[in-house]
C-alpha atoms as a PDB file:
ATOM      1  CA  MET A   1     180.403  34.111   4.956  1.00  0.00           C
ATOM      2  CA  ASN A   2     177.856  33.530   2.197  1.00  0.00           C
ATOM      3  CA  TRP A   3     180.025  34.842  -0.788  1.00  0.00           C
ATOM      4  CA  PRO A   4     176.822  33.870  -3.743  1.00  0.00           C
ATOM      5  CA  HIS A   5     174.150  36.329  -1.414  1.00  0.00           C
ATOM      6  CA  TYR A   6     176.631  39.156  -1.540  1.00  0.00           C
ATOM      7  CA  LEU A   7     177.439  38.446  -5.316  1.00  0.00           C
ATOM      8  CA  LEU A   8     173.827  38.531  -5.311  1.00  0.00           C
ATOM      9  CA  LEU A   9     173.158  41.706  -3.616  1.00  0.00           C
ATOM     10  CA  PHE A  10     176.340  43.490  -5.344  1.00  0.00           C
ATOM     11  CA  GLY A  11     174.532  42.772  -8.643  1.00  0.00           C
ATOM     12  CA  GLY A  12     171.396  44.355  -7.355  1.00  0.00           C
ATOM     13  CA  GLY A  13     173.512  47.136  -6.463  1.00  0.00           C
ATOM     14  CA  ILE A  14     174.484  47.399  -9.631  1.00  0.00           C
ATOM     15  CA  PHE A  15     170.930  47.068 -11.485  1.00  0.00           C
ATOM     16  CA  LEU A  16     169.278  49.541  -9.164  1.00  0.00           C
ATOM     17  CA  MET A  17     172.017  52.074  -9.514  1.00  0.00           C
ATOM     18  CA  ASN A  18     171.860  51.600 -13.804  1.00  0.00           C
ATOM     19  CA  SER A  19     168.193  52.064 -13.688  1.00  0.00           C
ATOM     20  CA  VAL A  20     168.661  55.810 -12.477  1.00  0.00           C
ATOM     21  CA  PRO A  21     170.033  57.651 -15.436  1.00  0.00           C
ATOM     22  CA  HIS A  22     167.945  56.029 -17.755  1.00  0.00           C
ATOM     23  CA  LEU A  23     165.012  56.786 -15.824  1.00  0.00           C
ATOM     24  CA  VAL A  24     166.154  60.051 -15.385  1.00  0.00           C
ATOM     25  CA  SER A  25     166.970  60.611 -18.603  1.00  0.00           C
ATOM     26  CA  GLY A  26     163.627  59.082 -19.682  1.00  0.00           C
ATOM     27  CA  VAL A  27     161.521  60.804 -17.780  1.00  0.00           C
ATOM     28  CA  LEU A  28     162.866  64.258 -18.935  1.00  0.00           C
ATOM     29  CA  GLY A  29     162.107  63.254 -22.469  1.00  0.00           C
ATOM     30  CA  GLN A  30     165.986  63.672 -23.304  1.00  0.00           C
ATOM     31  CA  PRO A  31     168.084  60.686 -25.242  1.00  0.00           C
ATOM     32  CA  PHE A  32     170.867  58.622 -23.345  1.00  0.00           C
ATOM     33  CA  GLN A  33     173.048  56.044 -24.563  1.00  0.00           C
ATOM     34  CA  SER A  34     171.638  52.495 -23.705  1.00  0.00           C
ATOM     35  CA  PRO A  35     173.045  49.123 -24.583  1.00  0.00           C
ATOM     36  CA  PHE A  36     170.195  49.211 -27.527  1.00  0.00           C
ATOM     37  CA  ALA A  37     171.772  52.349 -29.700  1.00  0.00           C
ATOM     38  CA  LYS A  38     174.272  51.955 -32.662  1.00  0.00           C
ATOM     39  CA  PRO A  39     177.233  51.881 -31.686  1.00  0.00           C
ATOM     40  CA  ARG A  40     176.320  49.716 -29.090  1.00  0.00           C
ATOM     41  CA  GLY A  41     176.208  51.906 -25.184  1.00  0.00           C
ATOM     42  CA  GLU A  42     177.980  54.786 -27.246  1.00  0.00           C
ATOM     43  CA  GLY A  43     175.015  56.140 -29.771  1.00  0.00           C
ATOM     44  CA  LEU A  44     172.118  57.894 -28.468  1.00  0.00           C
ATOM     45  CA  SER A  45     168.330  56.186 -27.687  1.00  0.00           C
ATOM     46  CA  SER A  46     165.219  57.214 -27.610  1.00  0.00           C
ATOM     47  CA  SER A  47     163.720  58.571 -24.440  1.00  0.00           C
ATOM     48  CA  THR A  48     161.079  55.777 -24.376  1.00  0.00           C
ATOM     49  CA  VAL A  49     164.053  53.095 -24.696  1.00  0.00           C
ATOM     50  CA  ASN A  50     165.999  54.541 -21.486  1.00  0.00           C
ATOM     51  CA  VAL A  51     162.453  54.292 -19.672  1.00  0.00           C
ATOM     52  CA  LEU A  52     161.769  50.942 -20.505  1.00  0.00           C
ATOM     53  CA  TRP A  53     165.492  50.344 -19.548  1.00  0.00           C
ATOM     54  CA  GLY A  54     165.578  51.776 -16.747  1.00  0.00           C
ATOM     55  CA  PHE A  55     162.425  50.220 -15.444  1.00  0.00           C
ATOM     56  CA  VAL A  56     163.901  46.361 -16.740  1.00  0.00           C
ATOM     57  CA  ASN A  57     166.574  47.744 -14.598  1.00  0.00           C
ATOM     58  CA  LEU A  58     164.283  47.850 -11.556  1.00  0.00           C
ATOM     59  CA  VAL A  59     162.490  45.001 -11.855  1.00  0.00           C
ATOM     60  CA  LEU A  60     166.340  42.959 -11.587  1.00  0.00           C
ATOM     61  CA  ALA A  61     166.925  45.203  -9.204  1.00  0.00           C
ATOM     62  CA  TYR A  62     164.227  44.121  -7.196  1.00  0.00           C
ATOM     63  CA  LEU A  63     164.711  40.263  -8.308  1.00  0.00           C
ATOM     64  CA  LEU A  64     168.239  40.316  -7.019  1.00  0.00           C
ATOM     65  CA  LEU A  65     168.104  42.242  -3.828  1.00  0.00           C
ATOM     66  CA  ILE A  66     164.660  40.816  -2.817  1.00  0.00           C
ATOM     67  CA  ARG A  67     163.524  37.639  -3.958  1.00  0.00           C
ATOM     68  CA  PHE A  68     166.994  36.204  -4.427  1.00  0.00           C
ATOM     69  CA  GLY A  69     169.042  38.001  -2.314  1.00  0.00           C
ATOM     70  CA  ALA A  70     166.723  38.330   0.774  1.00  0.00           C
ATOM     71  CA  PHE A  71     168.378  41.421   1.331  1.00  0.00           C
ATOM     72  CA  GLN A  72     168.401  42.248   5.127  1.00  0.00           C
ATOM     73  CA  TRP A  73     167.788  45.749   6.297  1.00  0.00           C
ATOM     74  CA  ASP A  74     169.378  45.473   9.939  1.00  0.00           C
ATOM     75  CA  ASP A  75     172.651  43.255   7.884  1.00  0.00           C
ATOM     76  CA  GLY A  76     175.314  45.908   7.621  1.00  0.00           C
ATOM     77  CA  PHE A  77     177.232  43.480   5.317  1.00  0.00           C
ATOM     78  CA  ASP A  78     173.791  43.105   3.141  1.00  0.00           C
ATOM     79  CA  ALA A  79     174.245  47.279   2.922  1.00  0.00           C
ATOM     80  CA  LEU A  80     177.770  47.296   2.041  1.00  0.00           C
ATOM     81  CA  ALA A  81     177.743  44.973  -1.002  1.00  0.00           C
ATOM     82  CA  ILE A  82     174.993  46.712  -2.288  1.00  0.00           C
ATOM     83  CA  GLY A  83     176.625  49.551  -1.505  1.00  0.00           C
ATOM     84  CA  PHE A  84     179.601  48.553  -3.195  1.00  0.00           C
ATOM     85  CA  GLY A  85     177.454  47.233  -6.299  1.00  0.00           C
ATOM     86  CA  ALA A  86     175.832  50.773  -6.713  1.00  0.00           C
ATOM     87  CA  LEU A  87     179.608  52.614  -6.247  1.00  0.00           C
ATOM     88  CA  ALA A  88     181.135  50.042  -8.991  1.00  0.00           C
ATOM     89  CA  ILE A  89     178.718  51.014 -11.850  1.00  0.00           C
ATOM     90  CA  SER A  90     178.403  54.660 -10.687  1.00  0.00           C
ATOM     91  CA  LEU A  91     182.275  54.803 -11.585  1.00  0.00           C
ATOM     92  CA  PHE A  92     182.314  53.407 -14.591  1.00  0.00           C
ATOM     93  CA  ALA A  93     179.310  55.166 -15.812  1.00  0.00           C
ATOM     94  CA  ALA A  94     181.333  58.621 -14.810  1.00  0.00           C
ATOM     95  CA  ARG A  95     183.899  57.783 -16.725  1.00  0.00           C
ATOM     96  CA  HIS A  96     181.971  56.002 -19.472  1.00  0.00           C
ATOM     97  CA  PHE A  97     179.678  58.849 -19.906  1.00  0.00           C
ATOM     98  CA  GLY A  98     182.240  61.388 -19.190  1.00  0.00           C
ATOM     99  CA  ARG A  99     183.673  60.794 -22.847  1.00  0.00           C
ATOM    100  CA  PHE A 100     180.659  61.959 -24.335  1.00  0.00           C
ATOM    101  CA  HIS A 101     179.078  64.471 -22.319  1.00  0.00           C
ATOM    102  CA  GLY A 102     182.253  66.459 -20.939  1.00  0.00           C
ATOM    103  CA  GLY A 103     182.469  65.270 -17.337  1.00  0.00           C
ATOM    104  CA  ASN A 104     186.423  63.505 -17.508  1.00  0.00           C
ATOM    105  CA  THR A 105     187.559  67.112 -19.040  1.00  0.00           C
ATOM    106  CA  PRO A 106     185.591  69.774 -17.240  1.00  0.00           C
ATOM    107  CA  GLU A 107     186.310  73.304 -17.948  1.00  0.00           C
ATOM    108  CA  ARG A 108     187.380  74.988 -15.269  1.00  0.00           C
ATOM    109  CA  GLN A 109     185.580  79.123 -15.415  1.00  0.00           C
END
């Protein structure tokens, strides 16, 4: 097992998935939390900041997955490493941002 390789892919999966909410919110013209808001990660950033942050995340994902991680499409372990990274950041984001958007305690209808 080549652990550094899989750690790069895991990190690439994190950045790839993290780009999604920032790009979507930004393109829709909606504010969303970002590391640049006050308080950090809790306050809202403009749609423009979110598009830029989402794009930076895509570039980092590309670097980690393709340039440094040398992702192989036909290697199941490569896909698992990326998938676990994407799942990890998704679960974190669901819990963290759910506090602000009502996702952690949905009301029953």
